Amino acid sequence: MSSGKRIAALAAGAAMFAAGPLLAQDEALPEAEPRTEPNRWFSYPIRSMSTDEQGQVGYRLLVGPGGRVESCEITHASIYPALNEATCAQATRRARFQRLPADAKEPGLRVFESRVSWAIAPELVSGRSVTSQDLPRPQSEDGASQIWYRLTIDPEGNATACAIGTGGQDELFKAAACEAIMQVAKDSRFSPGFYGIDGEPVMRTFADLVVWPQKP
């Protein structure tokens, strides 16, 4: 596996969604409040990453009064069993929720429902990388310059947008640099992604560094 193959997103949406009928006994349960961001519960299964398995998995957790997960159900499965299994296994082990107060009138189960996007950072598979010769030179006091840029990549592997990382450059430079970067990227293709549960594209990010040699 190349060093460029990194996790682009493990984004667990905070909004509730209905990917399948709720169990009858769950319909009246209150929503559990996470103590940590859901995207921190998940880490990519190494074997799935090495074989380029990507997908979005919907899940539902039943949470006990103490804030721990008591059971997990997959509400929308990806085509990869390992990603489905990892979703429930990791959420059950790592998710923590607010405890019910000791004087709660109705102590019992609560429910949390969301989705996780298992997405691998895109890699450049055709075309070429952006170099300093493609871009206007940024202004710097010591004559040595570099910028980070980010491309938004769609499921087909096309670059659709550009952003320049923070670093003191003005908006005119950023606009000119992104225009030049997109000229190179339009003839490049990146590793493909996927569409989510709702059919919307899951957009990923490609990041790279451009360095200008120090002026003599």
Protein backbone atom coordinates (compact mmCIF):
# COMPACT_ATOMS: atom_id res chain seq x y z
CA MET A 1 0.00 0.00 0.00
CA SER A 2 1.49 3.37 -1.01
CA SER A 3 2.03 6.11 1.54
CA GLY A 4 -0.46 8.31 -0.28
CA LYS A 5 -3.34 6.00 0.53
CA ARG A 6 -4.75 7.67 3.62
CA ILE A 7 -8.14 7.96 5.18
CA ALA A 8 -9.93 10.88 3.57
CA ALA A 9 -13.08 10.76 5.61
CA LEU A 10 -14.77 8.79 8.30
CA ALA A 11 -17.61 11.19 8.72
CA ALA A 12 -20.48 10.08 10.90
CA GLY A 13 -23.41 12.35 10.17
CA ALA A 14 -25.10 13.81 13.21
CA ALA A 15 -28.52 13.97 11.61
CA MET A 16 -30.95 11.10 12.00
CA PHE A 17 -32.04 9.31 8.84
CA ALA A 18 -34.35 6.47 7.88
CA ALA A 19 -32.55 3.83 5.83
CA GLY A 20 -35.01 1.15 6.85
CA PRO A 21 -38.00 0.67 9.15
CA LEU A 22 -37.31 1.19 12.82
CA LEU A 23 -37.94 -1.72 15.10
CA ALA A 24 -41.32 -1.27 16.73
CA GLN A 25 -39.86 -1.14 20.23
CA ASP A 26 -37.38 1.59 19.15
CA GLU A 27 -39.91 4.08 17.81
CA ALA A 28 -40.60 5.75 21.16
CA LEU A 29 -37.04 5.71 22.48
CA PRO A 30 -35.35 9.08 23.04
CA GLU A 31 -32.20 9.99 21.13
CA ALA A 32 -28.87 9.39 22.90
CA GLU A 33 -26.35 12.26 23.01
CA PRO A 34 -22.75 11.30 22.14
CA ARG A 35 -19.95 12.41 24.47
CA THR A 36 -17.41 12.42 21.64
CA GLU A 37 -17.62 13.12 17.91
CA PRO A 38 -18.86 9.95 16.13
CA ASN A 39 -16.09 10.14 13.53
CA ARG A 40 -13.58 9.47 16.34
CA TRP A 41 -15.08 6.04 16.95
CA PHE A 42 -13.84 4.56 13.70
CA SER A 43 -10.48 3.54 12.26
CA TYR A 44 -10.10 1.98 8.84
CA PRO A 45 -9.70 -1.82 8.79
CA ILE A 46 -6.21 -2.38 7.41
CA ARG A 47 -7.26 -5.22 5.09
CA SER A 48 -10.15 -3.15 3.70
CA MET A 49 -7.85 -0.24 3.00
CA SER A 50 -5.27 -2.44 1.29
CA THR A 51 -7.94 -3.81 -1.07
CA ASP A 52 -9.55 -0.41 -1.75
CA GLU A 53 -12.86 -1.25 -0.07
CA GLN A 54 -14.99 1.88 0.29
CA GLY A 55 -18.60 2.50 1.14
CA GLN A 56 -21.16 4.14 3.39
CA VAL A 57 -22.72 2.13 6.22
CA GLY A 58 -25.84 3.08 8.16
CA TYR A 59 -26.09 1.91 11.75
CA ARG A 60 -28.33 2.13 14.81
CA LEU A 61 -27.14 1.86 18.42
CA LEU A 62 -29.16 1.03 21.50
CA VAL A 63 -27.63 2.84 24.47
CA GLY A 64 -28.04 1.92 28.14
CA PRO A 65 -28.60 4.33 31.04
CA GLY A 66 -24.87 4.43 31.79
CA GLY A 67 -24.01 5.69 28.30
CA ARG A 68 -22.56 2.47 26.87
CA VAL A 69 -23.74 0.74 23.72
CA GLU A 70 -25.81 -2.36 24.42
CA SER A 71 -26.43 -3.43 20.83
CA CYS A 72 -25.75 -2.36 17.25
CA GLU A 73 -27.75 -2.95 14.09
CA ILE A 74 -26.71 -2.25 10.50
CA THR A 75 -29.54 -0.32 8.85
CA HIS A 76 -27.86 0.00 5.46
CA ALA A 77 -25.03 -2.36 4.50
CA SER A 78 -22.20 -1.63 2.10
CA ILE A 79 -21.20 -4.32 -0.39
CA TYR A 80 -18.17 -5.14 1.78
CA PRO A 81 -18.88 -7.33 4.84
CA ALA A 82 -15.66 -6.22 6.55
CA LEU A 83 -16.79 -2.58 6.58
CA ASN A 84 -20.21 -3.53 7.95
CA GLU A 85 -18.64 -5.65 10.68
CA ALA A 86 -16.11 -2.95 11.57
CA THR A 87 -18.87 -0.34 11.88
CA CYS A 88 -20.76 -2.22 14.58
CA ALA A 89 -17.68 -3.64 16.28
CA GLN A 90 -15.94 -0.28 16.61
CA ALA A 91 -19.04 1.72 17.53
CA THR A 92 -19.97 -0.82 20.21
CA ARG A 93 -16.48 -0.74 21.69
CA ARG A 94 -15.70 2.99 21.45
CA ALA A 95 -18.91 5.02 21.43
CA ARG A 96 -19.82 6.74 24.69
CA PHE A 97 -22.96 8.72 25.41
CA GLN A 98 -24.22 11.00 28.14
CA ARG A 99 -25.43 9.08 31.18
CA LEU A 100 -29.01 9.38 32.31
CA PRO A 101 -29.32 11.27 35.60
CA ALA A 102 -29.89 9.14 38.68
CA ASP A 103 -33.29 10.74 39.23
CA ALA A 104 -34.50 10.23 35.65
CA LYS A 105 -38.19 9.45 35.62
CA GLU A 106 -37.87 6.91 32.84
CA PRO A 107 -34.41 5.32 32.95
CA GLY A 108 -33.83 2.89 30.14
CA LEU A 109 -32.63 2.51 26.59
CA ARG A 110 -32.03 5.32 24.12
CA VAL A 111 -31.23 5.17 20.44
CA PHE A 112 -28.59 6.75 18.19
CA GLU A 113 -28.75 6.37 14.41
CA SER A 114 -26.25 7.62 11.86
CA ARG A 115 -23.91 6.59 9.06
CA VAL A 116 -20.18 6.35 8.52
CA SER A 117 -18.37 6.95 5.23
CA TRP A 118 -15.42 4.61 4.83
CA ALA A 119 -13.45 6.55 2.20
CA ILE A 120 -9.83 6.27 1.10
CA ALA A 121 -7.97 9.41 0.06
CA PRO A 122 -7.72 9.62 -3.73
CA GLU A 123 -4.43 9.06 -5.53
CA LEU A 124 -3.29 10.50 -8.84
CA VAL A 125 -3.57 7.68 -11.39
CA SER A 126 -3.11 9.57 -14.67
CA GLY A 127 -1.90 12.99 -15.68
CA ARG A 128 0.80 14.82 -13.75
CA SER A 129 1.42 16.59 -10.48
CA VAL A 130 1.35 20.36 -10.14
CA THR A 131 4.83 21.94 -9.98
CA SER A 132 6.08 25.41 -9.10
CA GLN A 133 6.50 26.14 -12.83
CA ASP A 134 2.72 25.95 -13.23
CA LEU A 135 2.01 28.67 -10.66
CA PRO A 136 2.75 32.30 -9.90
CA ARG A 137 5.39 32.61 -7.20
CA PRO A 138 4.02 33.63 -3.79
CA GLN A 139 5.57 36.52 -1.92
CA SER A 140 7.84 35.64 1.02
CA GLU A 141 10.47 37.54 2.99
CA ASP A 142 13.21 34.89 2.86
CA GLY A 143 12.77 33.95 -0.78
CA ALA A 144 11.77 30.35 0.02
CA SER A 145 8.13 29.57 -0.62
CA GLN A 146 5.70 26.70 -0.51
CA ILE A 147 1.96 26.20 -0.52
CA TRP A 148 -0.43 23.38 0.27
CA TYR A 149 -3.39 22.96 -2.02
CA ARG A 150 -6.46 20.76 -1.79
CA LEU A 151 -8.57 19.36 -4.60
CA THR A 152 -12.10 18.07 -4.16
CA ILE A 153 -12.44 14.76 -6.03
CA ASP A 154 -15.75 13.30 -7.18
CA PRO A 155 -16.59 9.55 -7.32
CA GLU A 156 -15.41 9.32 -10.95
CA GLY A 157 -11.95 10.61 -10.03
CA ASN A 158 -12.33 14.14 -11.43
CA ALA A 159 -11.11 17.26 -9.63
CA THR A 160 -14.06 19.61 -9.11
CA ALA A 161 -12.73 22.38 -6.84
CA CYS A 162 -9.49 23.82 -5.47
CA ALA A 163 -8.50 25.54 -2.22
CA ILE A 164 -5.17 26.94 -1.05
CA GLY A 165 -4.10 26.25 2.51
CA THR A 166 -3.62 29.05 4.99
CA GLY A 167 -0.22 30.72 4.93
CA GLY A 168 -0.51 34.47 4.62
CA GLN A 169 -1.10 34.66 0.88
CA ASP A 170 -3.64 37.17 -0.38
CA GLU A 171 -6.88 36.25 -2.13
CA LEU A 172 -5.62 37.36 -5.56
CA PHE A 173 -2.71 34.93 -5.35
CA LYS A 174 -4.96 32.11 -4.11
CA ALA A 175 -7.41 32.66 -6.96
CA ALA A 176 -4.63 32.73 -9.57
CA ALA A 177 -2.95 29.65 -8.09
CA CYS A 178 -6.20 27.65 -8.01
CA GLU A 179 -6.99 28.60 -11.59
CA ALA A 180 -3.56 27.30 -12.68
CA ILE A 181 -3.91 24.15 -10.56
CA MET A 182 -7.30 23.36 -12.07
CA GLN A 183 -5.82 23.71 -15.56
CA VAL A 184 -3.40 20.89 -14.72
CA ALA A 185 -5.98 18.85 -12.83
CA LYS A 186 -8.54 18.89 -15.63
CA ASP A 187 -6.30 16.49 -17.59
CA SER A 188 -5.63 14.30 -14.55
CA ARG A 189 -7.63 11.46 -13.05
CA PHE A 190 -7.66 10.22 -9.48
CA SER A 191 -8.65 6.89 -7.96
CA PRO A 192 -12.44 6.46 -8.01
CA GLY A 193 -14.74 6.82 -5.01
CA PHE A 194 -18.40 5.98 -4.46
CA TYR A 195 -21.93 7.27 -3.91
CA GLY A 196 -23.58 7.32 -0.50
CA ILE A 197 -26.73 5.75 0.90
CA ASP A 198 -28.91 8.53 -0.48
CA GLY A 199 -27.30 8.37 -3.92
CA GLU A 200 -25.35 11.59 -3.40
CA PRO A 201 -21.64 11.64 -4.31
CA VAL A 202 -19.18 11.20 -1.46
CA MET A 203 -16.55 13.84 -2.18
CA ARG A 204 -12.96 13.23 -1.08
CA THR A 205 -9.89 15.44 -0.74
CA PHE A 206 -6.51 15.22 -2.48
CA ALA A 207 -3.80 17.33 -0.82
CA ASP A 208 -0.33 18.12 -2.14
CA LEU A 209 2.58 20.49 -1.54
CA VAL A 210 4.23 22.76 -4.09
CA VAL A 211 7.71 24.05 -3.20
CA TRP A 212 9.65 26.85 -4.92
CA PRO A 213 13.45 26.66 -4.73
CA GLN A 214 15.11 29.35 -2.64
CA LYS A 215 16.18 32.38 -4.57
CA PRO A 216 19.97 32.80 -4.95
